[in-house]
Amino acid sequence: MGRQFLKFLVLSVILLVRFQGQEGCLEEEKKALLELKAFVKSDGYDADLLLPSWVGDTHSNCCNWDRVTCNSSTGHVIELSLSNTRQIDTDIESMFDYSENEWYFNISLLQPFKELRSLNLSYNKISDWIQNQELSVFENLEELDLSFNGLSDPKSFPELRKLKYLDLSINVFSKHVMRLLARLPSLKYLDLTDNSLRGGLTRQDNGFHGQSLEGAKSLHFGM
């Protein structure tokens, strides 16, 4: 009787934890978000104005912060919307002027987010990653928006095998970036509008060699 009761008690605790889920965000990921805010501030921007809900208060749940979405069961951050983090001028002419407000983003600050599914870094005028870092650590990433930046080096592009949505519009990628896109087997949406794809895309240029984007349902290659 005692053994059966103990089994019942253990099972009840397991089910209770499963259905209640994780209360609040993970401390490691909260710390990483605050470090990201500090990085924005170090570039001379008022991070308290730009990210007002991101505070180091012990009782502050980072899953409730603006621009952050967590898995309700595990507490892991699964979405980060960091579009126009610095609130720079989004006038179209200003966005095409890559000589001003260019940013070298420290992608290593995002490494603690192992369960990240969606990342939006659009409208930030990012010209490259600090110290040639890459996004390849985000093996679970399914959506990536890098539009309206100043990225040009395809070497900074990762091999993300689960990536389904990729927006690279309004950057300065050359047609050689296609060689790296051939490594994205799950891609369904690709936007390369307004890049430096001069001269058209030949089969040799794109590097697919039979690995064309047959699975992609929406492709945008406007110059």
Protein backbone atom coordinates (compact mmCIF):
# COMPACT_ATOMS: atom_id res chain seq x y z
CA MET A 1 0.00 0.00 0.00
CA GLY A 2 2.80 2.38 0.91
CA ARG A 3 4.71 1.65 -2.30
CA GLN A 4 1.63 2.24 -4.47
CA PHE A 5 0.96 5.52 -2.71
CA LEU A 6 4.56 6.61 -3.29
CA LYS A 7 4.28 5.82 -7.02
CA PHE A 8 1.03 7.78 -7.18
CA LEU A 9 2.65 10.73 -5.40
CA VAL A 10 5.66 10.79 -7.75
CA LEU A 11 3.40 10.57 -10.82
CA SER A 12 1.24 13.40 -9.50
CA VAL A 13 4.27 15.64 -9.02
CA ILE A 14 5.52 14.90 -12.56
CA LEU A 15 2.13 15.69 -14.08
CA LEU A 16 1.80 18.85 -12.00
CA VAL A 17 5.18 20.14 -13.19
CA ARG A 18 4.37 19.25 -16.80
CA PHE A 19 1.03 21.02 -16.89
CA GLN A 20 2.10 24.04 -14.90
CA GLY A 21 5.19 24.52 -17.02
CA GLN A 22 8.17 26.69 -16.26
CA GLU A 23 7.39 29.73 -14.15
CA GLY A 24 9.20 32.64 -15.75
CA CYS A 25 12.23 32.78 -17.96
CA LEU A 26 15.54 31.05 -17.39
CA GLU A 27 18.08 33.07 -15.43
CA GLU A 28 20.85 32.47 -17.98
CA GLU A 29 18.68 33.79 -20.79
CA LYS A 30 17.50 36.77 -18.75
CA LYS A 31 21.13 37.67 -18.11
CA ALA A 32 21.87 37.38 -21.84
CA LEU A 33 19.02 39.76 -22.68
CA LEU A 34 20.34 42.32 -20.22
CA GLU A 35 23.82 41.98 -21.75
CA LEU A 36 22.26 42.59 -25.15
CA LYS A 37 20.61 45.74 -23.82
CA ALA A 38 23.97 46.88 -22.42
CA PHE A 39 25.54 46.31 -25.85
CA VAL A 40 22.94 48.57 -27.47
CA LYS A 41 23.62 51.18 -24.79
CA SER A 42 27.39 50.95 -25.34
CA ASP A 43 26.84 52.12 -28.91
CA GLY A 44 25.60 55.45 -27.57
CA TYR A 45 21.87 54.78 -27.63
CA ASP A 46 19.39 55.20 -24.79
CA ALA A 47 18.70 51.52 -24.16
CA ASP A 48 16.30 52.33 -21.30
CA LEU A 49 14.15 54.23 -23.77
CA LEU A 50 14.48 51.60 -26.51
CA LEU A 51 13.97 48.54 -24.29
CA PRO A 52 12.10 49.88 -21.23
CA SER A 53 10.71 46.55 -20.04
CA TRP A 54 14.13 44.89 -19.98
CA VAL A 55 15.10 45.41 -16.34
CA GLY A 56 17.30 43.51 -13.92
CA ASP A 57 14.67 43.41 -11.17
CA THR A 58 14.66 40.03 -9.42
CA HIS A 59 10.89 39.73 -9.84
CA SER A 60 10.88 40.76 -13.51
CA ASN A 61 9.96 37.87 -15.81
CA CYS A 62 11.78 38.29 -19.12
CA CYS A 63 9.12 36.20 -20.86
CA ASN A 64 6.84 39.22 -20.38
CA TRP A 65 9.33 41.69 -21.84
CA ASP A 66 8.66 43.48 -25.12
CA ARG A 67 10.15 41.78 -28.19
CA VAL A 68 10.54 38.46 -26.32
CA THR A 69 8.47 35.27 -26.64
CA CYS A 70 9.08 32.18 -24.51
CA ASN A 71 7.97 28.57 -24.61
CA SER A 72 5.25 28.41 -21.96
CA SER A 73 6.32 24.93 -20.87
CA THR A 74 10.11 25.25 -20.71
CA GLY A 75 10.63 28.98 -20.22
CA HIS A 76 13.18 29.07 -23.04
CA VAL A 77 13.20 32.13 -25.29
CA ILE A 78 11.96 31.02 -28.72
CA GLU A 79 11.39 34.36 -30.48
CA LEU A 80 13.33 37.63 -30.46
CA SER A 81 12.04 40.61 -32.40
CA LEU A 82 14.95 43.06 -32.46
CA SER A 83 13.81 45.03 -35.50
CA ASN A 84 15.12 48.62 -35.45
CA THR A 85 16.52 48.14 -31.98
CA ARG A 86 18.24 51.52 -32.15
CA GLN A 87 15.20 53.31 -33.64
CA ILE A 88 17.20 54.83 -36.48
CA ASP A 89 15.58 56.75 -39.33
CA THR A 90 13.66 54.25 -41.47
CA ASP A 91 13.25 56.62 -44.41
CA ILE A 92 14.03 54.56 -47.51
CA GLU A 93 16.81 56.89 -48.71
CA SER A 94 18.42 56.88 -45.29
CA MET A 95 18.28 53.09 -45.14
CA PHE A 96 20.18 52.85 -48.43
CA ASP A 97 22.90 55.17 -47.10
CA TYR A 98 25.24 52.58 -45.59
CA SER A 99 27.85 55.20 -44.66
CA GLU A 100 25.86 56.32 -41.61
CA ASN A 101 24.89 54.46 -38.45
CA GLU A 102 26.42 51.18 -39.60
CA TRP A 103 26.56 48.60 -36.84
CA TYR A 104 28.79 45.63 -36.08
CA PHE A 105 26.52 43.33 -34.14
CA ASN A 106 27.82 41.01 -31.41
CA ILE A 107 26.02 37.82 -32.35
CA SER A 108 27.70 35.91 -29.50
CA LEU A 109 25.29 37.67 -27.13
CA LEU A 110 22.52 35.51 -28.59
CA GLN A 111 24.29 32.18 -28.11
CA PRO A 112 22.55 31.35 -24.79
CA PHE A 113 19.22 31.09 -26.65
CA LYS A 114 19.61 27.48 -27.76
CA GLU A 115 15.89 27.02 -28.44
CA LEU A 116 15.49 30.15 -30.57
CA ARG A 117 13.02 29.56 -33.42
CA SER A 118 12.53 33.08 -34.79
CA LEU A 119 14.99 35.99 -34.96
CA ASN A 120 14.25 39.42 -36.42
CA LEU A 121 17.23 41.76 -36.81
CA SER A 122 15.79 43.92 -39.59
CA TYR A 123 16.19 47.71 -39.90
CA ASN A 124 19.40 47.85 -37.87
CA LYS A 125 22.00 48.76 -40.53
CA ILE A 126 24.13 45.80 -39.48
CA SER A 127 27.16 45.69 -41.77
CA ASP A 128 28.75 42.58 -40.28
CA TRP A 129 29.12 40.47 -37.15
CA ILE A 130 31.88 41.25 -34.66
CA GLN A 131 34.98 39.05 -35.13
CA ASN A 132 33.47 37.10 -38.04
CA GLN A 133 30.94 35.38 -35.80
CA GLU A 134 28.18 33.30 -37.36
CA LEU A 135 24.56 32.37 -36.71
CA SER A 136 25.24 28.67 -37.22
CA VAL A 137 24.93 28.00 -33.48
CA PHE A 138 21.15 28.45 -33.80
CA GLU A 139 20.42 24.98 -35.10
CA ASN A 140 16.71 25.24 -34.24
CA LEU A 141 16.14 28.54 -36.05
CA GLU A 142 13.18 28.44 -38.47
CA GLU A 143 12.64 32.14 -39.26
CA LEU A 144 15.34 34.75 -39.86
CA ASP A 145 14.76 38.34 -40.95
CA LEU A 146 17.91 40.31 -41.83
CA SER A 147 16.23 42.78 -44.17
CA PHE A 148 17.17 46.48 -44.31
CA ASN A 149 20.76 46.07 -43.16
CA GLY A 150 24.12 46.46 -44.91
CA LEU A 151 25.29 42.85 -44.98
CA SER A 152 27.50 41.86 -47.89
CA ASP A 153 29.83 39.07 -46.83
CA PRO A 154 28.28 35.66 -47.57
CA LYS A 155 30.84 34.02 -45.28
CA SER A 156 28.83 35.35 -42.36
CA PHE A 157 25.85 33.33 -43.51
CA PRO A 158 25.17 30.16 -41.51
CA GLU A 159 24.18 26.62 -42.34
CA LEU A 160 20.74 26.46 -40.74
CA ARG A 161 19.15 23.21 -41.74
CA LYS A 162 15.76 23.92 -40.14
CA LEU A 163 15.41 27.43 -41.59
CA LYS A 164 12.11 27.87 -43.44
CA TYR A 165 11.80 31.66 -43.76
CA LEU A 166 14.68 33.91 -44.80
CA ASP A 167 14.44 37.62 -45.63
CA LEU A 168 17.69 39.15 -46.92
CA SER A 169 16.07 42.03 -48.81
CA ILE A 170 17.65 45.50 -48.84
CA ASN A 171 21.26 44.43 -48.25
CA VAL A 172 24.31 44.35 -50.51
CA PHE A 173 24.76 40.62 -51.08
CA SER A 174 26.20 39.60 -54.44
CA LYS A 175 24.85 36.69 -56.48
CA HIS A 176 27.50 34.45 -54.89
CA VAL A 177 25.40 34.28 -51.73
CA MET A 178 23.34 31.69 -53.59
CA ARG A 179 26.09 29.14 -53.06
CA LEU A 180 25.41 29.32 -49.34
CA LEU A 181 21.64 29.28 -49.72
CA ALA A 182 22.03 25.88 -51.35
CA ARG A 183 22.81 24.55 -47.88
CA LEU A 184 19.36 25.40 -46.54
CA PRO A 185 17.27 22.29 -47.31
CA SER A 186 14.12 23.35 -45.42
CA LEU A 187 13.75 26.81 -46.99
CA LYS A 188 10.19 27.74 -48.02
CA TYR A 189 10.44 31.55 -48.32
CA LEU A 190 13.39 33.55 -49.64
CA ASP A 191 13.59 37.29 -50.33
CA LEU A 192 16.69 38.79 -51.96
CA THR A 193 14.98 41.91 -53.29
CA ASP A 194 17.24 44.96 -53.70
CA ASN A 195 20.65 43.38 -53.33
CA SER A 196 23.65 43.42 -55.68
CA LEU A 197 22.58 40.48 -57.85
CA ARG A 198 23.86 42.13 -61.02
CA GLY A 199 24.23 40.08 -64.16
CA GLY A 200 21.48 37.61 -63.39
CA LEU A 201 21.72 34.21 -61.77
CA THR A 202 23.12 31.34 -63.81
CA ARG A 203 23.09 27.73 -62.68
CA GLN A 204 26.84 27.92 -62.14
CA ASP A 205 26.54 31.12 -60.10
CA ASN A 206 23.90 29.88 -57.73
CA GLY A 207 25.90 26.79 -56.85
CA PHE A 208 22.91 24.48 -56.54
CA HIS A 209 23.95 21.99 -59.24
CA GLY A 210 20.73 20.02 -59.00
CA GLN A 211 19.91 21.18 -55.47
CA SER A 212 17.56 23.93 -56.64
CA LEU A 213 15.05 25.47 -54.25
CA GLU A 214 12.32 23.06 -55.29
CA GLY A 215 10.82 23.10 -51.83
CA ALA A 216 10.59 26.89 -51.67
CA LYS A 217 7.07 28.20 -52.28
CA SER A 218 7.90 31.92 -52.38
CA LEU A 219 11.02 33.38 -54.02
CA HIS A 220 11.81 37.08 -54.51
CA PHE A 221 14.86 38.12 -56.52
CA GLY A 222 14.06 41.72 -57.55
CA MET A 223 17.22 43.78 -58.11
